[in-house]
Amino acid sequence: MANAVRFVSGVDLGQNLAMTPLQEKFVRLKKEREAVVLAHNYQPREIQEVADYVGDSLGLSYEAQKAKGKCILFCGVHFMAETAKIVNPEKKVLMPDLNAGCSLADSCPADKLRAYLEENPGLYVVSYVNCTAAVKAQSDVICTSGNAERIVQRVPADREILFLPDRNLGDWVIQKTGRSMRLWDGDCYVHMEFTASSIDRMRQEHPEALVVAHPECTRAVRALADEVCSTEKMVGYCRNSSVRAFIVVTEEGMLHRLRREMPDKEFLAGPTDRCACAECRYMKMNTLEKALGALENLAPEVSLSKETIEKARLPIERMLEWSRN
């Protein structure tokens, strides 16, 4: 079997992975194209295994900004690939499937935000990265689930904040910071499928396990968790804990990474009232076959106007600066 050097969160795991023939073909073509492959934690396992970097939105933003090579293949959803194009505009950015969208991004159309801001002037707009480039272009600063608390704390105290588009993440930030904010009425359909009753039943079945939940979950679900954090912080929390079992309350793709990095621990999919785990239909639109096709054809490509890139880059760069300091 061919050997592959794996990079997860920028750390060389040095593992010898037994790849499938399709993965081997993908790795060869990735090298030929001089492509940097970025994959979100929710991507299918076979894509995560051949990516150069697997991480959350914040980590992917940093990696996209500094990416070398001739092109970026972004395996995630559309707003993430747009962010890569914004922070590295000279680079060709490809996606396996341009139709891989996001229910959160769809919940805040740019024209509705524009109309709201015209009716409510003076608001300081903090936009969760799960929004379109056109919405980012109307924002003062961007945040991710990993840095939302820190970003909101940096906003001048005399400014009223509009937080969008996720009302659950915004509610969690209010709980953490005590900062009053207006919340846009949007949510992630996957995280809304988790209920307090489903997680409580799981806790009773596995009393030895800790519950880690994403802040996009409802307040009732978050209240049952031992830790509420971004997907990237889930990795550190589980690694540093002496506990051996965890109930993971987020999109099921996260389990692939956790199990790969910590094979000595047990990771259980947080159940919903409908099924044993939650899959994002948008994230799963990307397949290894489509990713290979994108490298072969150097398409489909993410394109944005120069004006949108220039306007959206400022709040993203502000986020990256505030996150470093």
Protein backbone atom coordinates (compact mmCIF):
# COMPACT_ATOMS: atom_id res chain seq x y z
CA MET A 1 0.00 0.00 0.00
CA ALA A 2 1.12 3.53 -0.66
CA ASN A 3 2.22 5.68 2.23
CA ALA A 4 0.76 9.08 3.01
CA VAL A 5 1.81 11.78 5.39
CA ARG A 6 -1.26 13.07 7.17
CA PHE A 7 -1.69 16.64 8.36
CA VAL A 8 -4.47 17.33 10.83
CA SER A 9 -4.70 20.83 12.31
CA GLY A 10 -1.24 21.45 10.90
CA VAL A 11 0.31 18.56 12.85
CA ASP A 12 2.17 15.87 10.95
CA LEU A 13 0.79 12.59 12.30
CA GLY A 14 3.35 10.60 10.33
CA GLN A 15 0.91 7.74 9.81
CA ASN A 16 1.18 5.11 7.13
CA LEU A 17 -2.35 4.95 5.79
CA ALA A 18 -3.69 2.12 3.69
CA MET A 19 -5.32 4.08 0.91
CA THR A 20 -7.85 2.93 -1.62
CA PRO A 21 -6.91 3.07 -5.33
CA LEU A 22 -9.08 6.18 -5.72
CA GLN A 23 -7.31 7.87 -2.82
CA GLU A 24 -3.93 6.97 -4.30
CA LYS A 25 -4.98 8.50 -7.63
CA PHE A 26 -6.19 11.61 -5.84
CA VAL A 27 -2.91 12.06 -3.94
CA ARG A 28 -0.89 11.70 -7.17
CA LEU A 29 -3.03 14.26 -8.97
CA LYS A 30 -2.94 16.62 -5.98
CA LYS A 31 0.83 16.63 -6.26
CA GLU A 32 0.78 17.13 -10.03
CA ARG A 33 -1.62 20.05 -9.74
CA GLU A 34 0.35 21.54 -6.83
CA ALA A 35 -2.95 21.81 -5.00
CA VAL A 36 -3.56 22.46 -1.32
CA VAL A 37 -6.53 20.41 -0.12
CA LEU A 38 -8.48 21.84 2.82
CA ALA A 39 -11.25 19.80 4.43
CA HIS A 40 -13.72 20.60 7.17
CA ASN A 41 -14.17 18.28 10.14
CA TYR A 42 -17.61 17.31 8.80
CA GLN A 43 -16.33 15.98 5.48
CA PRO A 44 -16.56 12.25 4.60
CA ARG A 45 -13.80 10.08 6.02
CA GLU A 46 -12.21 9.27 2.64
CA ILE A 47 -11.72 12.98 1.95
CA GLN A 48 -10.36 13.76 5.40
CA GLU A 49 -7.72 11.06 4.97
CA VAL A 50 -6.18 12.65 1.86
CA ALA A 51 -6.50 16.33 2.80
CA ASP A 52 -3.51 18.49 3.69
CA TYR A 53 -5.41 20.11 6.52
CA VAL A 54 -8.54 19.05 8.40
CA GLY A 55 -10.04 21.52 10.82
CA ASP A 56 -12.76 23.96 11.78
CA SER A 57 -13.68 27.23 10.08
CA LEU A 58 -11.10 29.31 11.96
CA GLY A 59 -8.23 26.94 11.28
CA LEU A 60 -9.24 26.59 7.65
CA SER A 61 -9.29 30.38 7.27
CA TYR A 62 -5.70 30.62 8.49
CA GLU A 63 -4.62 27.77 6.22
CA ALA A 64 -6.35 29.29 3.20
CA GLN A 65 -4.70 32.64 3.86
CA LYS A 66 -1.19 31.16 3.82
CA ALA A 67 -1.76 28.44 1.21
CA LYS A 68 0.99 28.09 -1.39
CA GLY A 69 0.84 26.00 -4.53
CA LYS A 70 -1.18 26.77 -7.62
CA CYS A 71 -4.71 26.19 -6.34
CA ILE A 72 -6.85 25.38 -3.31
CA LEU A 73 -9.34 22.52 -3.35
CA PHE A 74 -11.81 23.33 -0.60
CA CYS A 75 -13.80 20.35 0.64
CA GLY A 76 -16.55 21.89 2.70
CA VAL A 77 -19.57 24.06 1.98
CA HIS A 78 -19.82 27.06 -0.30
CA PHE A 79 -19.37 29.88 2.23
CA MET A 80 -16.13 28.27 3.40
CA ALA A 81 -14.70 28.18 -0.11
CA GLU A 82 -15.77 31.80 -0.56
CA THR A 83 -13.82 32.68 2.59
CA ALA A 84 -10.74 30.98 1.15
CA LYS A 85 -11.09 33.08 -2.01
CA ILE A 86 -11.52 36.27 0.02
CA VAL A 87 -8.39 35.76 2.14
CA ASN A 88 -6.29 34.51 -0.82
CA PRO A 89 -7.85 36.21 -3.88
CA GLU A 90 -5.01 35.49 -6.29
CA LYS A 91 -5.38 31.75 -5.78
CA LYS A 92 -7.73 29.58 -7.84
CA VAL A 93 -10.23 28.03 -5.40
CA LEU A 94 -12.00 24.84 -6.43
CA MET A 95 -14.89 22.92 -4.84
CA PRO A 96 -15.99 19.34 -5.43
CA ASP A 97 -19.62 20.52 -5.68
CA LEU A 98 -20.67 24.18 -5.91
CA ASN A 99 -24.16 23.23 -4.75
CA ALA A 100 -22.89 22.28 -1.28
CA GLY A 101 -24.59 25.07 0.61
CA CYS A 102 -25.59 25.75 4.22
CA SER A 103 -28.96 26.21 5.94
CA LEU A 104 -27.44 28.86 8.19
CA ALA A 105 -26.10 30.89 5.28
CA ASP A 106 -29.45 30.56 3.52
CA SER A 107 -31.25 31.94 6.59
CA CYS A 108 -29.67 35.38 6.13
CA PRO A 109 -29.99 36.63 2.54
CA ALA A 110 -27.82 39.66 1.79
CA ASP A 111 -30.75 41.76 0.61
CA LYS A 112 -32.72 41.15 3.82
CA LEU A 113 -29.71 42.11 5.92
CA ARG A 114 -29.22 45.26 3.86
CA ALA A 115 -32.87 46.26 4.38
CA TYR A 116 -32.64 45.56 8.13
CA LEU A 117 -29.53 47.69 8.52
CA GLU A 118 -31.14 50.54 6.60
CA GLU A 119 -34.06 50.44 9.05
CA ASN A 120 -31.75 50.06 12.06
CA PRO A 121 -28.66 52.23 11.46
CA GLY A 122 -25.70 52.20 13.80
CA LEU A 123 -25.63 48.50 14.64
CA TYR A 124 -22.27 46.74 14.95
CA VAL A 125 -22.60 43.59 12.83
CA VAL A 126 -20.88 40.46 14.12
CA SER A 127 -21.38 37.72 11.54
CA TYR A 128 -20.74 34.06 12.17
CA VAL A 129 -18.55 32.74 9.38
CA ASN A 130 -21.48 30.57 8.26
CA CYS A 131 -22.80 33.28 5.93
CA THR A 132 -22.32 34.30 2.33
CA ALA A 133 -19.59 36.60 1.06
CA ALA A 134 -22.25 39.23 0.34
CA VAL A 135 -23.26 39.18 4.02
CA LYS A 136 -19.66 39.28 5.17
CA ALA A 137 -19.23 42.38 3.01
CA GLN A 138 -21.87 44.15 5.14
CA SER A 139 -20.31 43.08 8.46
CA ASP A 140 -17.97 44.79 10.89
CA VAL A 141 -16.26 41.60 12.05
CA ILE A 142 -16.57 37.87 11.44
CA CYS A 143 -16.39 35.14 14.08
CA THR A 144 -16.33 31.36 14.29
CA SER A 145 -17.72 29.11 16.99
CA GLY A 146 -14.17 28.81 18.29
CA ASN A 147 -13.60 32.55 18.78
CA ALA A 148 -17.11 34.06 18.97
CA GLU A 149 -16.86 34.81 22.69
CA ARG A 150 -13.51 36.52 22.27
CA ILE A 151 -14.62 38.52 19.23
CA VAL A 152 -17.76 39.85 20.94
CA GLN A 153 -15.71 40.90 23.96
CA ARG A 154 -13.57 43.04 21.63
CA VAL A 155 -16.52 45.01 20.26
CA PRO A 156 -16.66 48.55 21.74
CA ALA A 157 -18.97 48.60 24.76
CA ASP A 158 -20.93 51.59 23.45
CA ARG A 159 -22.04 49.78 20.27
CA GLU A 160 -25.21 47.71 19.99
CA ILE A 161 -24.46 44.36 18.36
CA LEU A 162 -26.43 42.50 15.73
CA PHE A 163 -25.25 38.88 15.82
CA LEU A 164 -26.07 36.72 12.81
CA PRO A 165 -27.12 34.34 11.47
CA ASP A 166 -27.18 31.65 14.23
CA ARG A 167 -29.45 32.53 17.15
CA ASN A 168 -28.23 29.52 19.17
CA LEU A 169 -24.56 30.44 18.92
CA GLY A 170 -25.52 34.04 19.68
CA ASP A 171 -27.48 32.94 22.74
CA TRP A 172 -24.48 30.96 23.96
CA VAL A 173 -22.21 33.98 23.50
CA ILE A 174 -24.66 36.11 25.50
CA GLN A 175 -24.52 33.51 28.28
CA LYS A 176 -20.71 33.51 28.22
CA THR A 177 -20.13 37.26 27.96
CA GLY A 178 -23.21 38.86 29.48
CA ARG A 179 -23.28 41.13 26.44
CA SER A 180 -26.73 42.09 25.19
CA MET A 181 -27.13 41.49 21.45
CA ARG A 182 -29.81 41.40 18.80
CA LEU A 183 -29.97 37.90 17.32
CA TRP A 184 -30.84 37.05 13.72
CA ASP A 185 -33.41 34.25 13.52
CA GLY A 186 -31.31 31.55 11.85
CA ASP A 187 -30.16 28.06 12.80
CA CYS A 188 -28.31 24.98 11.59
CA TYR A 189 -30.86 22.32 10.75
CA VAL A 190 -28.47 19.53 11.80
CA HIS A 191 -27.84 20.87 15.28
CA MET A 192 -31.54 21.61 15.72
CA GLU A 193 -32.22 17.87 15.38
CA PHE A 194 -30.55 17.18 18.72
CA THR A 195 -33.03 17.40 21.59
CA ALA A 196 -32.69 17.44 25.35
CA SER A 197 -34.68 14.21 25.58
CA SER A 198 -32.47 12.36 23.07
CA ILE A 199 -29.24 13.45 24.76
CA ASP A 200 -30.61 12.72 28.23
CA ARG A 201 -31.48 9.16 27.16
CA MET A 202 -27.96 8.72 25.80
CA ARG A 203 -26.44 9.96 29.05
CA GLN A 204 -28.49 7.43 31.01
CA GLU A 205 -27.35 4.61 28.69
CA HIS A 206 -23.69 5.70 29.00
CA PRO A 207 -23.26 7.30 32.44
CA GLU A 208 -19.48 6.96 32.16
CA ALA A 209 -19.31 9.21 29.10
CA LEU A 210 -18.85 12.97 28.97
CA VAL A 211 -21.08 14.99 26.65
CA VAL A 212 -19.42 17.51 24.33
CA ALA A 213 -21.78 19.69 22.31
CA HIS A 214 -21.43 22.34 19.63
CA PRO A 215 -22.79 25.81 20.54
CA GLU A 216 -25.09 25.70 17.50
CA CYS A 217 -27.25 23.35 19.58
CA THR A 218 -30.22 24.71 21.51
CA ARG A 219 -29.84 26.01 25.06
CA ALA A 220 -31.68 22.93 26.40
CA VAL A 221 -29.13 20.60 24.78
CA ARG A 222 -26.17 22.74 25.80
CA ALA A 223 -27.36 22.63 29.41
CA LEU A 224 -26.86 18.84 29.42
CA ALA A 225 -23.30 19.01 28.09
CA ASP A 226 -20.12 18.73 30.13
CA GLU A 227 -18.41 20.96 27.58
CA VAL A 228 -19.74 23.27 24.87
CA CYS A 229 -17.16 24.16 22.26
CA SER A 230 -16.18 24.33 18.59
CA THR A 231 -15.17 21.20 16.74
CA GLU A 232 -11.48 22.10 17.00
CA LYS A 233 -11.72 22.58 20.75
CA MET A 234 -13.51 19.24 21.03
CA VAL A 235 -10.29 17.58 19.93
CA GLY A 236 -8.24 19.17 22.68
CA TYR A 237 -10.91 18.64 25.33
CA CYS A 238 -11.24 14.92 24.60
CA ARG A 239 -7.49 14.43 24.29
CA ASN A 240 -6.73 16.10 27.61
CA SER A 241 -9.51 14.38 29.55
CA SER A 242 -8.82 11.27 31.60
CA VAL A 243 -12.28 10.00 30.69
CA ARG A 244 -12.33 7.32 27.98
CA ALA A 245 -15.81 7.75 26.48
CA PHE A 246 -17.55 10.78 24.95
CA ILE A 247 -20.95 11.53 23.48
CA VAL A 248 -20.30 13.91 20.59
CA VAL A 249 -23.20 16.24 19.84
CA THR A 250 -22.41 17.65 16.42
CA GLU A 251 -22.35 16.54 12.78
CA GLU A 252 -21.26 12.91 12.51
CA GLY A 253 -18.22 13.63 10.35
CA MET A 254 -16.43 14.87 13.46
CA LEU A 255 -16.34 11.31 14.75
CA HIS A 256 -13.95 10.25 11.96
CA ARG A 257 -11.31 12.68 13.08
CA LEU A 258 -11.73 12.02 16.80
CA ARG A 259 -11.49 8.25 16.35
CA ARG A 260 -8.46 8.56 14.08
CA GLU A 261 -6.54 10.84 16.44
CA MET A 262 -7.56 9.04 19.64
CA PRO A 263 -8.06 5.36 18.80
CA ASP A 264 -7.77 4.43 22.47
CA LYS A 265 -10.95 6.33 23.35
CA GLU A 266 -14.61 5.72 22.54
CA PHE A 267 -16.67 8.30 20.67
CA LEU A 268 -20.42 7.90 20.51
CA ALA A 269 -22.62 9.80 18.08
CA GLY A 270 -25.06 12.07 19.83
CA PRO A 271 -28.52 10.81 18.83
CA THR A 272 -31.49 12.79 17.61
CA ASP A 273 -35.11 11.79 18.11
CA ARG A 274 -35.08 10.48 14.54
CA CYS A 275 -31.84 8.54 14.18
CA ALA A 276 -28.59 7.48 15.82
CA CYS A 277 -26.55 10.32 14.34
CA ALA A 278 -26.86 13.57 12.39
CA GLU A 279 -25.47 14.10 8.90
CA CYS A 280 -25.35 17.40 7.04
CA ARG A 281 -26.75 16.77 3.59
CA TYR A 282 -24.70 19.68 2.24
CA MET A 283 -21.35 18.49 3.62
CA LYS A 284 -22.04 15.03 2.24
CA MET A 285 -22.62 16.39 -1.27
CA ASN A 286 -18.84 16.38 -1.56
CA THR A 287 -17.40 12.99 -2.44
CA LEU A 288 -13.90 11.79 -3.23
CA GLU A 289 -15.02 11.15 -6.82
CA LYS A 290 -16.14 14.78 -7.16
CA ALA A 291 -12.96 16.03 -5.50
CA LEU A 292 -10.88 14.05 -7.97
CA GLY A 293 -12.93 15.45 -10.84
CA ALA A 294 -12.34 18.99 -9.59
CA LEU A 295 -8.58 18.45 -9.70
CA GLU A 296 -8.74 16.80 -13.13
CA ASN A 297 -10.80 19.62 -14.65
CA LEU A 298 -9.62 22.49 -12.40
CA ALA A 299 -13.33 23.17 -11.99
CA PRO A 300 -15.80 24.02 -10.61
CA GLU A 301 -14.17 27.22 -9.45
CA VAL A 302 -15.42 29.68 -6.84
CA SER A 303 -15.62 33.18 -8.24
CA LEU A 304 -16.38 36.48 -6.50
CA SER A 305 -16.36 40.07 -7.70
CA LYS A 306 -13.39 42.22 -6.78
CA GLU A 307 -15.72 44.58 -4.90
CA THR A 308 -17.17 41.78 -2.76
CA ILE A 309 -13.71 40.43 -2.00
CA GLU A 310 -12.43 43.84 -0.94
CA LYS A 311 -15.42 44.56 1.30
CA ALA A 312 -15.57 41.09 2.85
CA ARG A 313 -11.83 40.84 3.46
CA LEU A 314 -11.78 43.65 6.05
CA PRO A 315 -14.07 41.99 8.65
CA ILE A 316 -12.35 38.63 8.10
CA GLU A 317 -8.91 40.14 8.58
CA ARG A 318 -10.21 41.89 11.70
CA MET A 319 -11.31 38.51 13.04
CA LEU A 320 -7.96 36.91 12.30
CA GLU A 321 -6.13 39.83 13.94
CA TRP A 322 -8.34 39.79 17.05
CA SER A 323 -7.96 36.01 17.31
CA ARG A 324 -4.17 36.23 17.28
CA ASN A 325 -3.89 38.97 19.93
